[in-house]
Amino acid sequence: MSEQHFIVIGISDSHNQFFSPEIRRIIMSGKVFSGGKRHHQIVDSLLPPGAEWIDVTVPLEKVFIRYASLPEIVVFASGDPLFYGYATTLQREFPTARITVYPSFNSLQLLAHRLLLPYPEMINVSVTGRTWKNLDTALIENRSVIGVLTDKKKTPAAIAQRLLYYGYDNYVMYVGECLGNETERVRTMTLSEAAEKDFDTPNCVILQMTEQRRRFFGIPENQFAHLEGRSNMITKMPVRLVSLSMLDLYNRNTMWDIGYCTGSVSIEAQLQFPHLEITAFERREESKHLLEENCRRFGVPGIQGVTADFMTCDLSSYPAPEAVFIGGHGGRLDEMVKRIYTVLCPGGVIVFNSVSADSCQTFIEAVDRCGGNIVTTHILKVDAHNSITILKAV
């Protein structure tokens, strides 16, 4: 078969589509067409007699099998097919195929146009079939305008509830429902109002900041919620910041915090490096509440807290770490280091805060037995507390 060709045409939800003469010629000369069932309803009257239609439905693997033997397919997709769209899926699944795209406005552009909202500063994120990660990152970064593609679970109401839970009440929400359709509706509301409403689908959201929210760098220890009667059970702020700098987190994607206690290291890391996927381990049941409370207090969604003994839980369930901070070891430091090295990504780092000469020596010897090296050591003394030795292993 000669080179396969996909012609991807972006459309709105309107049943009165405007197509250029070039696109009309492509449609009239096409033989095989594809798209969602909604797309089929919109363009059905424009297709030539005898046209074959392939519905894009899950599982997509069956759709791709039907595509495989066809030399040319005209595909209809929503909005801009390269904006979180079907053209990017085709690029991934058919890397040798030729792809021609005729875009329309994407839904977030349409919503901005309806609002007469200039959007050069808008950052676009999608939670459609995805985690909250990209939205969480945009919030922590204090982005002034955030466009959000939604789905049937991560609705405008669910988005508003998440923002309110983590203290991001400094946004107004614009919701566009069925944009381009005869039933189109655009609404402006507070997050509290949006959290209680139902919305027609498909829809999308623009969040516009009303005022800046404070973002910490070096959170004072007394601002965290603590274990009752154990306010010293926390990594002190100067030690915390030096430890994070030694983890080299700008160049990492995944981090583990072992023995998180109050969650101070994880929270500080997420605030400064919002792109990180952080998994925090702690065997104390009461720390689960502390982590949740402190994440809400400082506006830090997205940290995965694991209440379990690190030495016995199934580590394969979590993203492999590129950086590990050891905040507690329960007297099993040698075994813990060995276990970390079994999952640590190539080029990964471990940072350990030692409060005694014995634990310092144990860590050095454990790293050596695992084939690692100690590359940096700092000794800090904060106020009247004992000196802390911070070691970095690679």
Protein backbone atom coordinates (compact mmCIF):
# COMPACT_ATOMS: atom_id res chain seq x y z
CA MET A 1 0.00 0.00 0.00
CA SER A 2 1.21 3.52 -0.78
CA GLU A 3 1.63 6.11 1.94
CA GLN A 4 -1.45 6.28 4.14
CA HIS A 5 -3.11 9.69 4.37
CA PHE A 6 -5.35 11.05 7.12
CA ILE A 7 -7.19 14.30 6.43
CA VAL A 8 -8.42 15.63 9.77
CA ILE A 9 -11.08 18.33 9.68
CA GLY A 10 -11.93 20.26 12.83
CA ILE A 11 -15.59 21.16 13.35
CA SER A 12 -17.74 22.86 15.96
CA ASP A 13 -20.95 21.48 17.48
CA SER A 14 -23.08 23.51 15.11
CA HIS A 15 -25.33 21.70 12.62
CA ASN A 16 -24.69 24.60 10.21
CA GLN A 17 -21.01 24.12 9.50
CA PHE A 18 -19.14 26.56 7.28
CA PHE A 19 -16.49 24.83 5.15
CA SER A 20 -14.15 26.45 2.67
CA PRO A 21 -14.40 25.36 -1.00
CA GLU A 22 -11.21 23.31 -0.53
CA ILE A 23 -12.68 21.33 2.38
CA ARG A 24 -15.95 20.82 0.51
CA ARG A 25 -14.01 19.34 -2.42
CA ILE A 26 -12.19 16.99 -0.04
CA ILE A 27 -15.49 15.82 1.44
CA MET A 28 -17.18 15.31 -1.92
CA SER A 29 -14.25 13.26 -3.28
CA GLY A 30 -13.82 11.19 -0.09
CA LYS A 31 -14.78 7.54 0.20
CA VAL A 32 -14.08 6.62 3.84
CA PHE A 33 -14.92 8.95 6.72
CA SER A 34 -14.52 8.66 10.46
CA GLY A 35 -15.32 10.50 13.69
CA GLY A 36 -17.46 10.32 16.78
CA LYS A 37 -21.17 9.56 16.57
CA ARG A 38 -21.91 13.22 17.33
CA HIS A 39 -19.65 14.28 14.46
CA HIS A 40 -21.48 11.87 12.13
CA GLN A 41 -24.83 13.46 12.98
CA ILE A 42 -23.44 16.92 12.24
CA VAL A 43 -21.87 16.18 8.83
CA ASP A 44 -24.01 13.29 7.59
CA SER A 45 -25.96 15.42 5.10
CA LEU A 46 -22.69 16.66 3.54
CA LEU A 47 -21.22 13.23 2.79
CA PRO A 48 -21.25 11.86 -0.78
CA PRO A 49 -23.52 8.93 -1.73
CA GLY A 50 -22.11 5.54 -0.73
CA ALA A 51 -19.71 6.99 1.83
CA GLU A 52 -18.36 4.55 4.42
CA TRP A 53 -18.29 5.79 8.03
CA ILE A 54 -16.11 4.40 10.86
CA ASP A 55 -17.30 5.37 14.35
CA VAL A 56 -14.54 6.38 16.74
CA THR A 57 -15.51 4.45 19.86
CA VAL A 58 -13.60 2.67 22.59
CA PRO A 59 -11.67 0.48 22.52
CA LEU A 60 -9.75 2.52 19.96
CA GLU A 61 -7.62 -0.48 19.02
CA LYS A 62 -10.53 -1.86 16.99
CA VAL A 63 -10.87 1.46 15.16
CA PHE A 64 -7.15 1.48 14.33
CA ILE A 65 -7.39 -2.06 12.92
CA ARG A 66 -10.06 -0.86 10.50
CA TYR A 67 -7.91 2.13 9.55
CA ALA A 68 -4.83 0.02 8.87
CA SER A 69 -5.77 -1.21 5.37
CA LEU A 70 -7.22 2.06 4.06
CA PRO A 71 -5.13 4.42 1.89
CA GLU A 72 -7.04 7.60 2.74
CA ILE A 73 -9.48 8.52 5.51
CA VAL A 74 -11.24 11.82 6.10
CA VAL A 75 -11.61 12.26 9.85
CA PHE A 76 -13.88 14.79 11.58
CA ALA A 77 -12.78 15.93 15.04
CA SER A 78 -13.80 18.61 17.51
CA GLY A 79 -12.20 22.04 17.27
CA ASP A 80 -8.47 22.02 16.68
CA PRO A 81 -7.45 18.35 16.21
CA LEU A 82 -3.91 19.16 17.42
CA PHE A 83 -5.18 20.69 20.68
CA TYR A 84 -5.54 17.65 22.97
CA GLY A 85 -7.24 16.21 19.92
CA TYR A 86 -7.53 13.19 17.67
CA ALA A 87 -4.75 14.22 15.29
CA THR A 88 -2.19 13.73 18.06
CA THR A 89 -3.59 10.23 18.64
CA LEU A 90 -3.18 9.44 14.94
CA GLN A 91 0.39 10.75 15.01
CA ARG A 92 1.17 8.36 17.84
CA GLU A 93 -0.56 5.31 16.35
CA PHE A 94 0.41 5.83 12.70
CA PRO A 95 3.87 7.48 12.83
CA THR A 96 4.60 6.86 9.12
CA ALA A 97 1.28 8.18 7.81
CA ARG A 98 0.83 11.58 6.20
CA ILE A 99 -1.55 13.76 8.18
CA THR A 100 -3.21 16.95 6.92
CA VAL A 101 -5.10 19.08 9.44
CA TYR A 102 -7.79 21.71 8.82
CA PRO A 103 -8.41 23.21 12.27
CA SER A 104 -11.38 25.04 13.69
CA PHE A 105 -11.44 27.03 16.93
CA ASN A 106 -10.97 24.87 20.00
CA SER A 107 -13.58 25.11 22.74
CA LEU A 108 -11.47 27.26 25.05
CA GLN A 109 -10.84 29.74 22.25
CA LEU A 110 -14.58 29.86 21.58
CA LEU A 111 -15.31 30.50 25.24
CA ALA A 112 -12.71 33.30 25.40
CA HIS A 113 -14.25 34.85 22.28
CA ARG A 114 -17.75 34.71 23.78
CA LEU A 115 -16.40 36.50 26.86
CA LEU A 116 -14.33 39.00 24.85
CA LEU A 117 -11.49 37.82 27.08
CA PRO A 118 -7.97 38.37 25.71
CA TYR A 119 -6.14 35.10 26.32
CA PRO A 120 -2.41 35.40 25.48
CA GLU A 121 -1.56 34.58 29.13
CA MET A 122 -4.00 31.67 29.42
CA ILE A 123 -2.42 28.31 30.19
CA ASN A 124 -4.46 25.40 28.89
CA VAL A 125 -4.81 22.13 30.79
CA SER A 126 -6.89 19.03 30.26
CA VAL A 127 -8.46 16.81 32.90
CA THR A 128 -10.36 14.87 30.24
CA GLY A 129 -9.60 11.25 31.10
CA ARG A 130 -6.51 12.48 32.94
CA THR A 131 -5.43 13.10 36.53
CA TRP A 132 -5.68 16.50 38.22
CA LYS A 133 -1.92 17.01 37.90
CA ASN A 134 -1.77 19.73 35.23
CA LEU A 135 -4.52 21.76 36.88
CA ASP A 136 -2.85 21.38 40.29
CA THR A 137 0.43 22.61 38.81
CA ALA A 138 -1.20 25.68 37.27
CA LEU A 139 -2.85 26.54 40.60
CA ILE A 140 0.36 26.23 42.60
CA GLU A 141 2.13 28.38 40.02
CA ASN A 142 -0.49 31.11 40.57
CA ARG A 143 -1.46 31.25 36.90
CA SER A 144 -3.76 34.21 36.29
CA VAL A 145 -5.93 32.61 33.58
CA ILE A 146 -6.39 28.83 33.31
CA GLY A 147 -8.38 27.11 30.57
CA VAL A 148 -9.62 23.64 31.53
CA LEU A 149 -10.97 20.88 29.30
CA THR A 150 -13.39 18.81 31.39
CA ASP A 151 -15.03 15.40 31.28
CA LYS A 152 -18.10 13.74 32.81
CA LYS A 153 -16.36 13.11 36.16
CA LYS A 154 -14.10 16.15 36.40
CA THR A 155 -16.97 18.55 35.82
CA PRO A 156 -17.01 22.32 36.43
CA ALA A 157 -18.62 21.56 39.81
CA ALA A 158 -15.88 19.05 40.72
CA ILE A 159 -13.22 21.56 39.65
CA ALA A 160 -14.78 24.27 41.82
CA GLN A 161 -14.97 21.91 44.78
CA ARG A 162 -11.29 21.00 44.42
CA LEU A 163 -10.22 24.64 44.27
CA LEU A 164 -12.26 25.52 47.34
CA TYR A 165 -10.94 22.49 49.29
CA TYR A 166 -7.34 23.65 48.81
CA GLY A 167 -8.05 27.30 49.46
CA TYR A 168 -7.99 28.61 45.88
CA ASP A 169 -11.08 30.79 46.30
CA ASN A 170 -9.31 33.60 44.42
CA TYR A 171 -10.72 32.64 41.01
CA VAL A 172 -13.94 33.37 39.15
CA MET A 173 -15.23 30.58 36.89
CA TYR A 174 -16.55 30.92 33.34
CA VAL A 175 -18.32 27.86 31.93
CA GLY A 176 -19.12 27.31 28.26
CA GLU A 177 -21.75 24.64 27.59
CA CYS A 178 -22.44 23.15 24.13
CA LEU A 179 -20.43 25.90 22.45
CA GLY A 180 -21.33 26.31 18.79
CA ASN A 181 -24.57 24.40 19.28
CA GLU A 182 -28.06 25.85 19.17
CA THR A 183 -28.30 25.21 22.95
CA GLU A 184 -25.05 27.05 23.71
CA ARG A 185 -24.82 28.73 27.11
CA VAL A 186 -22.05 30.76 28.79
CA ARG A 187 -22.17 31.41 32.52
CA THR A 188 -20.04 33.41 34.96
CA MET A 189 -20.11 32.42 38.63
CA THR A 190 -18.20 32.21 41.87
CA LEU A 191 -16.62 28.89 42.79
CA SER A 192 -19.16 28.42 45.57
CA GLU A 193 -21.98 28.83 43.06
CA ALA A 194 -20.35 26.50 40.51
CA ALA A 195 -19.72 23.81 43.14
CA GLU A 196 -23.50 23.34 43.56
CA LYS A 197 -24.62 23.37 39.91
CA ASP A 198 -25.14 20.89 37.09
CA PHE A 199 -23.85 21.62 33.61
CA ASP A 200 -24.77 20.49 30.10
CA THR A 201 -22.10 18.58 28.17
CA PRO A 202 -19.82 19.07 26.42
CA ASN A 203 -18.45 21.97 28.43
CA CYS A 204 -15.20 23.72 29.24
CA VAL A 205 -13.99 26.14 31.90
CA ILE A 206 -11.88 29.27 32.16
CA LEU A 207 -10.63 30.26 35.62
CA GLN A 208 -9.61 33.91 36.05
CA MET A 209 -7.70 35.02 39.13
CA THR A 210 -9.22 37.84 41.16
CA GLU A 211 -6.26 38.34 43.52
CA GLN A 212 -2.86 36.78 44.17
CA ARG A 213 -2.66 33.99 46.74
CA ARG A 214 0.42 33.84 48.98
CA ARG A 215 2.93 31.22 47.90
CA PHE A 216 5.54 30.27 50.50
CA PHE A 217 9.25 29.71 50.07
CA GLY A 218 10.61 28.28 53.31
CA ILE A 219 7.53 27.65 55.46
CA PRO A 220 8.11 28.38 59.17
CA GLU A 221 7.72 25.26 61.31
CA ASN A 222 5.13 26.87 63.59
CA GLN A 223 2.69 27.26 60.69
CA PHE A 224 2.33 23.49 60.21
CA ALA A 225 -0.12 21.29 62.07
CA HIS A 226 1.98 18.96 64.28
CA LEU A 227 1.74 15.67 66.09
CA GLU A 228 0.14 16.41 69.43
CA GLY A 229 2.81 17.28 71.99
CA ARG A 230 5.64 16.67 69.47
CA SER A 231 6.15 19.99 67.70
CA ASN A 232 9.84 19.23 67.20
CA MET A 233 8.99 16.23 64.99
CA ILE A 234 9.51 18.23 61.80
CA THR A 235 12.38 18.96 59.42
CA LYS A 236 13.42 22.50 60.29
CA MET A 237 13.01 25.07 57.55
CA PRO A 238 16.73 25.72 56.80
CA VAL A 239 17.47 21.98 56.80
CA ARG A 240 14.42 21.38 54.62
CA LEU A 241 15.52 23.89 51.98
CA VAL A 242 19.12 22.63 51.87
CA SER A 243 17.86 19.04 51.58
CA LEU A 244 15.58 19.96 48.67
CA SER A 245 18.39 21.78 46.88
CA MET A 246 20.54 18.64 47.17
CA LEU A 247 17.78 16.54 45.60
CA ASP A 248 18.19 18.59 42.38
CA LEU A 249 14.44 18.58 41.83
CA TYR A 250 14.31 20.85 38.78
CA ASN A 251 15.73 17.92 36.84
CA ARG A 252 13.54 15.19 38.38
CA ASN A 253 9.97 14.08 37.76
CA THR A 254 9.29 11.73 40.67
CA MET A 255 10.15 12.03 44.36
CA TRP A 256 9.57 9.86 47.42
CA ASP A 257 9.45 11.22 50.98
CA ILE A 258 9.94 8.35 53.44
CA GLY A 259 8.75 9.02 56.98
CA TYR A 260 6.92 12.26 56.15
CA CYS A 261 5.39 12.88 59.63
CA THR A 262 3.85 16.37 59.11
CA GLY A 263 4.51 16.37 55.35
CA SER A 264 6.73 19.46 55.54
CA VAL A 265 9.36 18.24 53.04
CA SER A 266 6.78 16.99 50.52
CA ILE A 267 4.74 20.18 50.78
CA GLU A 268 7.75 22.46 50.41
CA ALA A 269 8.93 20.38 47.44
CA GLN A 270 5.54 20.52 45.72
CA LEU A 271 5.27 24.28 46.22
CA GLN A 272 8.67 24.91 44.65
CA PHE A 273 8.52 22.17 42.02
CA PRO A 274 4.82 21.76 41.08
CA HIS A 275 5.66 19.42 38.19
CA LEU A 276 6.84 16.70 40.60
CA GLU A 277 4.92 13.49 41.22
CA ILE A 278 5.43 13.07 44.97
CA THR A 279 4.71 9.91 46.95
CA ALA A 280 4.99 10.27 50.73
CA PHE A 281 5.25 7.25 53.06
CA GLU A 282 4.48 7.21 56.79
CA ARG A 283 3.46 4.37 59.09
CA ARG A 284 1.84 6.59 61.77
CA GLU A 285 -1.92 6.65 61.25
CA GLU A 286 -2.22 10.11 62.82
CA SER A 287 0.12 11.56 60.20
CA LYS A 288 -2.44 10.90 57.46
CA HIS A 289 -4.65 13.64 58.91
CA LEU A 290 -1.64 15.93 59.35
CA LEU A 291 -0.66 15.60 55.70
CA GLU A 292 -4.21 16.34 54.53
CA GLU A 293 -4.53 19.33 56.88
CA ASN A 294 -1.15 20.80 55.94
CA CYS A 295 -1.75 20.32 52.21
CA ARG A 296 -5.01 22.24 52.55
CA ARG A 297 -3.37 24.88 54.72
CA PHE A 298 -0.69 25.69 52.13
CA GLY A 299 -2.69 25.01 48.95
CA VAL A 300 -0.84 21.90 47.85
CA PRO A 301 -3.01 19.35 46.03
CA GLY A 302 -1.66 16.20 44.42
CA ILE A 303 0.71 14.61 46.96
CA GLN A 304 0.03 10.88 47.23
CA GLY A 305 0.15 9.90 50.88
CA VAL A 306 0.75 6.23 51.73
CA THR A 307 -0.04 5.09 55.27
CA ALA A 308 2.03 1.92 55.56
CA ASP A 309 5.36 0.54 56.69
CA PHE A 310 7.73 1.38 53.85
CA MET A 311 9.70 -1.79 54.50
CA THR A 312 6.75 -4.10 53.81
CA CYS A 313 4.44 -2.29 51.35
CA ASP A 314 4.32 -3.08 47.63
CA LEU A 315 6.54 -0.42 46.05
CA SER A 316 5.66 -1.48 42.50
CA SER A 317 2.33 0.33 42.92
CA TYR A 318 4.00 3.76 42.85
CA PRO A 319 5.96 5.71 40.22
CA ALA A 320 9.65 4.78 40.53
CA PRO A 321 11.59 7.58 42.26
CA GLU A 322 14.25 9.75 40.71
CA ALA A 323 14.83 11.44 44.09
CA VAL A 324 14.31 10.09 47.62
CA PHE A 325 14.31 11.95 50.93
CA ILE A 326 14.66 9.82 54.06
CA GLY A 327 13.00 11.61 56.95
CA GLY A 328 12.61 8.57 59.19
CA HIS A 329 13.89 5.01 59.18
CA GLY A 330 12.67 3.37 62.39
CA GLY A 331 16.11 1.94 63.18
CA ARG A 332 16.24 0.01 59.89
CA LEU A 333 18.33 2.43 57.83
CA ASP A 334 20.60 -0.20 56.29
CA GLU A 335 17.65 -2.28 55.04
CA MET A 336 15.82 0.83 53.88
CA VAL A 337 18.70 2.05 51.72
CA LYS A 338 19.00 -1.40 50.16
CA ARG A 339 15.26 -1.40 49.39
CA ILE A 340 15.39 2.09 47.87
CA TYR A 341 18.22 1.09 45.55
CA THR A 342 16.08 -1.72 44.12
CA VAL A 343 13.60 0.84 42.72
CA LEU A 344 15.65 4.04 42.33
CA CYS A 345 15.80 5.24 38.72
CA PRO A 346 19.23 5.34 37.02
CA GLY A 347 20.94 8.59 37.98
CA GLY A 348 18.64 8.95 40.99
CA VAL A 349 19.65 10.57 44.30
CA ILE A 350 18.99 9.93 47.98
CA VAL A 351 19.23 12.62 50.65
CA PHE A 352 19.35 11.69 54.33
CA ASN A 353 19.34 13.92 57.42
CA SER A 354 21.46 12.32 60.13
CA VAL A 355 21.13 13.35 63.77
CA SER A 356 23.90 11.08 65.10
CA ALA A 357 27.34 9.83 64.17
CA ASP A 358 26.04 6.26 64.17
CA SER A 359 23.24 6.87 61.66
CA CYS A 360 25.62 8.91 59.51
CA GLN A 361 28.09 6.03 59.34
CA THR A 362 25.33 3.48 58.77
CA PHE A 363 24.04 5.47 55.78
CA ILE A 364 27.52 5.83 54.26
CA GLU A 365 28.21 2.11 54.57
CA ALA A 366 24.76 1.11 53.26
CA VAL A 367 25.16 3.33 50.18
CA ASP A 368 28.61 1.88 49.54
CA ARG A 369 27.30 -1.70 49.73
CA CYS A 370 24.65 -0.79 47.14
CA GLY A 371 27.27 0.56 44.76
CA GLY A 372 26.43 4.22 45.35
CA ASN A 373 28.56 7.21 46.30
CA ILE A 374 28.24 10.04 48.81
CA VAL A 375 28.81 13.17 46.73
CA THR A 376 27.81 16.02 49.08
CA THR A 377 27.77 16.51 52.84
CA HIS A 378 26.58 19.55 54.79
CA ILE A 379 26.42 20.07 58.55
CA LEU A 380 23.82 22.54 59.84
CA LYS A 381 22.91 23.73 63.32
CA VAL A 382 19.57 25.48 63.75
CA ASP A 383 19.03 27.47 66.96
CA ALA A 384 19.61 25.32 70.05
CA HIS A 385 18.98 22.02 68.25
CA ASN A 386 21.65 19.40 67.64
CA SER A 387 23.70 19.59 64.46
CA ILE A 388 22.23 17.85 61.43
CA THR A 389 24.42 16.15 58.84
CA ILE A 390 22.80 16.18 55.40
CA LEU A 391 24.18 13.59 53.01
CA LYS A 392 23.53 13.15 49.30
CA ALA A 393 24.05 9.76 47.65
CA VAL A 394 23.95 8.95 43.93
